[in-house]
């Protein structure tokens, strides 16, 4: 499925637009990242999120090709500033790198920085309420459907013979499924785990 980029807006609980951004993730996942980052970073947007009594709302402003995301983000930032929006954006937009793949070292550092965060029960409920039931308008759904047409990455894709040979060679000695030989200790652990699961199921069904 061809991926699309989202130009999105973050809104305060009372509906005021305060931030415009771009993402290759779904708006729901990007909102989760913003909330998570608000406990670790001190950029203007994160400071604003921390100041809210609730959590921000996220809305897709536009769906476009990834190559156009930077340009469209700049256009939206410029537009909303001209309309008087009090954006917390620190730049004019378009400085991101949609589709950029981070190194394993960078991902490891980010993971370590996010470890150990604990939200209060009230904060968890606010986050859950904000993420639950997020939907799109018919117009947005139509744009998403249009962007996904012309599948080039999954169903119906045909590989060249040399590509098939490389995939076949890479899958030899698969350590995750077929061909993997388990040690007696691992087999015993798996067997015990299955027996425990079935025991719990019988208890729930009233058979024990």
Protein backbone atom coordinates (compact mmCIF):
# COMPACT_ATOMS: atom_id res chain seq x y z
CA UNK A 1 0.00 0.00 0.00
CA UNK A 2 1.39 3.39 -0.97
CA UNK A 3 2.02 5.51 2.08
CA UNK A 4 0.69 9.03 2.39
CA UNK A 5 1.82 11.94 4.52
CA UNK A 6 -0.53 13.79 6.87
CA UNK A 7 -0.49 17.51 7.54
CA UNK A 8 -2.18 17.75 10.93
CA UNK A 9 -3.18 20.27 13.54
CA UNK A 10 -3.08 20.04 17.33
CA UNK A 11 -6.03 21.72 19.00
CA UNK A 12 -6.62 22.68 22.61
CA UNK A 13 -9.58 21.01 24.38
CA UNK A 14 -11.66 24.12 23.59
CA UNK A 15 -10.93 23.81 19.85
CA UNK A 16 -8.15 26.38 19.26
CA UNK A 17 -5.48 25.38 16.71
CA UNK A 18 -2.03 25.68 18.34
CA UNK A 19 0.33 23.54 16.27
CA UNK A 20 0.73 22.36 12.66
CA UNK A 21 2.93 19.41 11.76
CA UNK A 22 3.52 16.62 9.28
CA UNK A 23 3.80 12.88 9.83
CA UNK A 24 3.98 9.55 8.06
CA UNK A 25 2.23 7.92 11.02
CA UNK A 26 -1.51 7.88 11.61
CA UNK A 27 -2.74 11.03 13.41
CA UNK A 28 -3.68 8.89 16.42
CA UNK A 29 -0.14 7.53 16.79
CA UNK A 30 1.41 10.96 16.24
CA UNK A 31 -0.77 12.41 19.00
CA UNK A 32 0.49 9.69 21.34
CA UNK A 33 4.07 10.70 20.51
CA UNK A 34 3.35 14.37 21.23
CA UNK A 35 1.86 13.51 24.62
CA UNK A 36 4.81 11.25 25.43
CA UNK A 37 7.37 13.87 24.35
CA UNK A 38 5.69 16.54 26.47
CA UNK A 39 7.18 14.86 29.57
CA UNK A 40 10.72 14.86 28.17
CA UNK A 41 11.16 17.96 26.03
CA UNK A 42 10.85 21.70 26.55
CA UNK A 43 10.00 22.94 23.08
CA UNK A 44 7.16 25.45 22.89
CA UNK A 45 4.67 22.80 21.77
CA UNK A 46 5.55 20.41 24.60
CA UNK A 47 5.34 23.20 27.19
CA UNK A 48 1.88 24.09 25.83
CA UNK A 49 0.70 20.46 26.07
CA UNK A 50 1.85 20.25 29.70
CA UNK A 51 -0.08 23.44 30.51
CA UNK A 52 -3.42 21.96 29.38
CA UNK A 53 -5.95 20.70 31.88
CA UNK A 54 -6.73 17.86 29.46
CA UNK A 55 -5.02 16.53 26.35
CA UNK A 56 -4.92 18.11 22.89
CA UNK A 57 -7.01 16.94 19.95
CA UNK A 58 -5.48 16.07 16.59
CA UNK A 59 -7.12 16.60 13.20
CA UNK A 60 -5.87 15.80 9.71
CA UNK A 61 -5.72 19.04 7.73
CA UNK A 62 -4.52 17.50 4.49
CA UNK A 63 -3.28 14.22 3.03
CA UNK A 64 -0.57 14.42 0.41
CA UNK A 65 2.34 12.62 -1.21
CA UNK A 66 5.38 12.35 1.12
CA UNK A 67 7.48 14.35 -1.34
CA UNK A 68 5.08 17.29 -0.95
CA UNK A 69 4.75 17.15 2.85
CA UNK A 70 7.38 19.79 3.65
CA UNK A 71 5.92 22.25 1.14
CA UNK A 72 2.34 21.68 2.29
CA UNK A 73 3.30 22.00 5.97
CA UNK A 74 4.93 25.37 5.29
CA UNK A 75 1.83 26.48 3.38
CA UNK A 76 -0.47 25.55 6.29
CA UNK A 77 1.75 27.22 8.89
CA UNK A 78 1.83 30.39 6.80
CA UNK A 79 -1.93 30.29 6.21
CA UNK A 80 -2.92 29.80 9.83
CA UNK A 81 -0.51 32.48 11.03
CA UNK A 82 -2.04 34.94 8.58
CA UNK A 83 -5.46 34.01 9.95
CA UNK A 84 -4.24 34.90 13.44
CA UNK A 85 -3.72 31.41 14.92
CA UNK A 86 -1.46 31.41 17.98
CA UNK A 87 0.73 28.57 16.72
CA UNK A 88 3.41 27.12 18.97
CA UNK A 89 5.53 26.13 15.95
CA UNK A 90 9.09 27.31 16.46
CA UNK A 91 9.81 27.41 12.70
CA UNK A 92 7.96 28.03 9.44
CA UNK A 93 7.60 24.26 9.00
CA UNK A 94 8.95 21.91 6.38
CA UNK A 95 12.12 21.08 8.28
CA UNK A 96 11.17 17.45 8.96
CA UNK A 97 12.29 14.41 7.00
CA UNK A 98 9.22 12.25 6.17
CA UNK A 99 10.16 8.60 5.65
CA UNK A 100 13.58 9.05 7.29
CA UNK A 101 14.82 5.78 8.83
CA UNK A 102 16.75 6.30 12.05
CA UNK A 103 19.79 4.23 12.93
CA UNK A 104 19.60 1.49 15.54
CA UNK A 105 21.77 3.64 17.84
CA UNK A 106 19.37 6.59 17.61
CA UNK A 107 16.32 4.38 18.22
CA UNK A 108 18.08 2.85 21.24
CA UNK A 109 18.77 6.29 22.74
CA UNK A 110 15.16 7.36 22.26
CA UNK A 111 13.90 4.15 23.80
CA UNK A 112 16.14 4.62 26.86
CA UNK A 113 14.97 8.23 27.29
CA UNK A 114 11.32 7.12 27.31
CA UNK A 115 11.78 4.24 29.75
CA UNK A 116 10.34 4.65 33.22
CA UNK A 117 7.66 7.24 32.48
CA UNK A 118 4.66 6.72 34.75
CA UNK A 119 1.35 8.51 34.25
CA UNK A 120 -1.20 9.00 37.01
CA UNK A 121 -4.52 7.19 36.65
CA UNK A 122 -6.22 10.49 35.82
CA UNK A 123 -3.65 11.30 33.11
CA UNK A 124 -3.96 7.82 31.61
CA UNK A 125 -7.73 8.26 31.38
CA UNK A 126 -7.32 11.64 29.69
CA UNK A 127 -4.95 10.14 27.11
CA UNK A 128 -7.27 7.18 26.56
CA UNK A 129 -10.28 9.44 26.06
CA UNK A 130 -8.37 11.59 23.58
CA UNK A 131 -7.23 8.62 21.50
CA UNK A 132 -10.45 6.62 21.66
CA UNK A 133 -12.84 6.76 18.75
CA UNK A 134 -10.72 9.09 16.64
CA UNK A 135 -12.40 9.22 13.23
CA UNK A 136 -12.12 10.96 9.90
CA UNK A 137 -14.62 12.94 7.88
CA UNK A 138 -15.97 11.41 4.62
CA UNK A 139 -13.80 13.87 2.68
CA UNK A 140 -10.66 12.76 4.52
CA UNK A 141 -11.52 9.08 4.05
CA UNK A 142 -11.98 9.68 0.32
CA UNK A 143 -8.54 11.33 0.13
CA UNK A 144 -6.96 8.41 2.02
CA UNK A 145 -8.61 5.93 -0.33
CA UNK A 146 -7.38 7.86 -3.35
CA UNK A 147 -3.84 8.02 -1.97
CA UNK A 148 -3.84 4.24 -1.42
CA UNK A 149 -4.84 3.40 -4.98
CA UNK A 150 -2.27 1.97 -7.35
CA UNK A 151 -0.84 -0.52 -4.86
CA UNK A 152 2.84 -0.98 -5.59
CA UNK A 153 4.18 -2.56 -2.44
CA UNK A 154 2.12 -5.62 -1.53
CA UNK A 155 -0.73 -7.40 -3.33
CA UNK A 156 -0.04 -8.09 -6.97
CA UNK A 157 3.61 -7.13 -6.80
CA UNK A 158 5.85 -9.29 -8.99
CA UNK A 159 9.53 -9.79 -8.23
CA UNK A 160 12.33 -10.32 -10.70
CA UNK A 161 13.89 -13.84 -10.68
CA UNK A 162 17.12 -12.51 -9.13
CA UNK A 163 15.11 -10.83 -6.33
CA UNK A 164 13.30 -14.09 -5.63
CA UNK A 165 16.67 -15.87 -5.41
CA UNK A 166 17.96 -13.29 -2.91
CA UNK A 167 14.80 -13.60 -0.77
CA UNK A 168 15.06 -17.38 -0.85
CA UNK A 169 18.72 -17.27 0.18
CA UNK A 170 17.99 -14.82 3.00
CA UNK A 171 15.26 -17.05 4.39
CA UNK A 172 17.46 -20.13 4.71
CA UNK A 173 18.08 -21.14 8.30
CA UNK A 174 15.10 -19.08 9.41
CA UNK A 175 15.42 -18.49 13.15
CA UNK A 176 11.81 -17.46 13.62
CA UNK A 177 9.63 -20.16 12.12
CA UNK A 178 10.22 -23.08 9.76
CA UNK A 179 13.46 -24.97 10.20
CA UNK A 180 14.20 -23.71 13.68
CA UNK A 181 15.33 -26.42 16.09
CA UNK A 182 14.29 -25.81 19.69
CA UNK A 183 16.34 -26.95 22.66
CA UNK A 184 14.78 -29.43 25.12
CA UNK A 185 14.60 -26.64 27.73
CA UNK A 186 12.70 -24.33 25.35
CA UNK A 187 10.31 -27.12 24.40
CA UNK A 188 9.63 -27.80 28.08
CA UNK A 189 8.90 -24.11 28.73
CA UNK A 190 6.53 -23.90 25.77
CA UNK A 191 4.74 -27.06 26.85
CA UNK A 192 4.33 -25.77 30.40
CA UNK A 193 3.03 -22.43 29.16
CA UNK A 194 0.43 -24.16 26.95
CA UNK A 195 -0.74 -26.38 29.82
CA UNK A 196 -1.14 -23.35 32.08
CA UNK A 197 -3.11 -21.53 29.40
CA UNK A 198 -5.48 -24.45 28.89
CA UNK A 199 -5.92 -24.80 32.65
CA UNK A 200 -6.92 -21.13 32.90
CA UNK A 201 -9.36 -21.55 30.00
CA UNK A 202 -11.01 -24.55 31.68
CA UNK A 203 -11.36 -22.59 34.92
CA UNK A 204 -13.03 -19.71 33.08
CA UNK A 205 -15.41 -22.14 31.35
CA UNK A 206 -16.26 -23.82 34.65
CA UNK A 207 -14.80 -27.14 33.63
CA UNK A 208 -12.40 -27.23 36.59
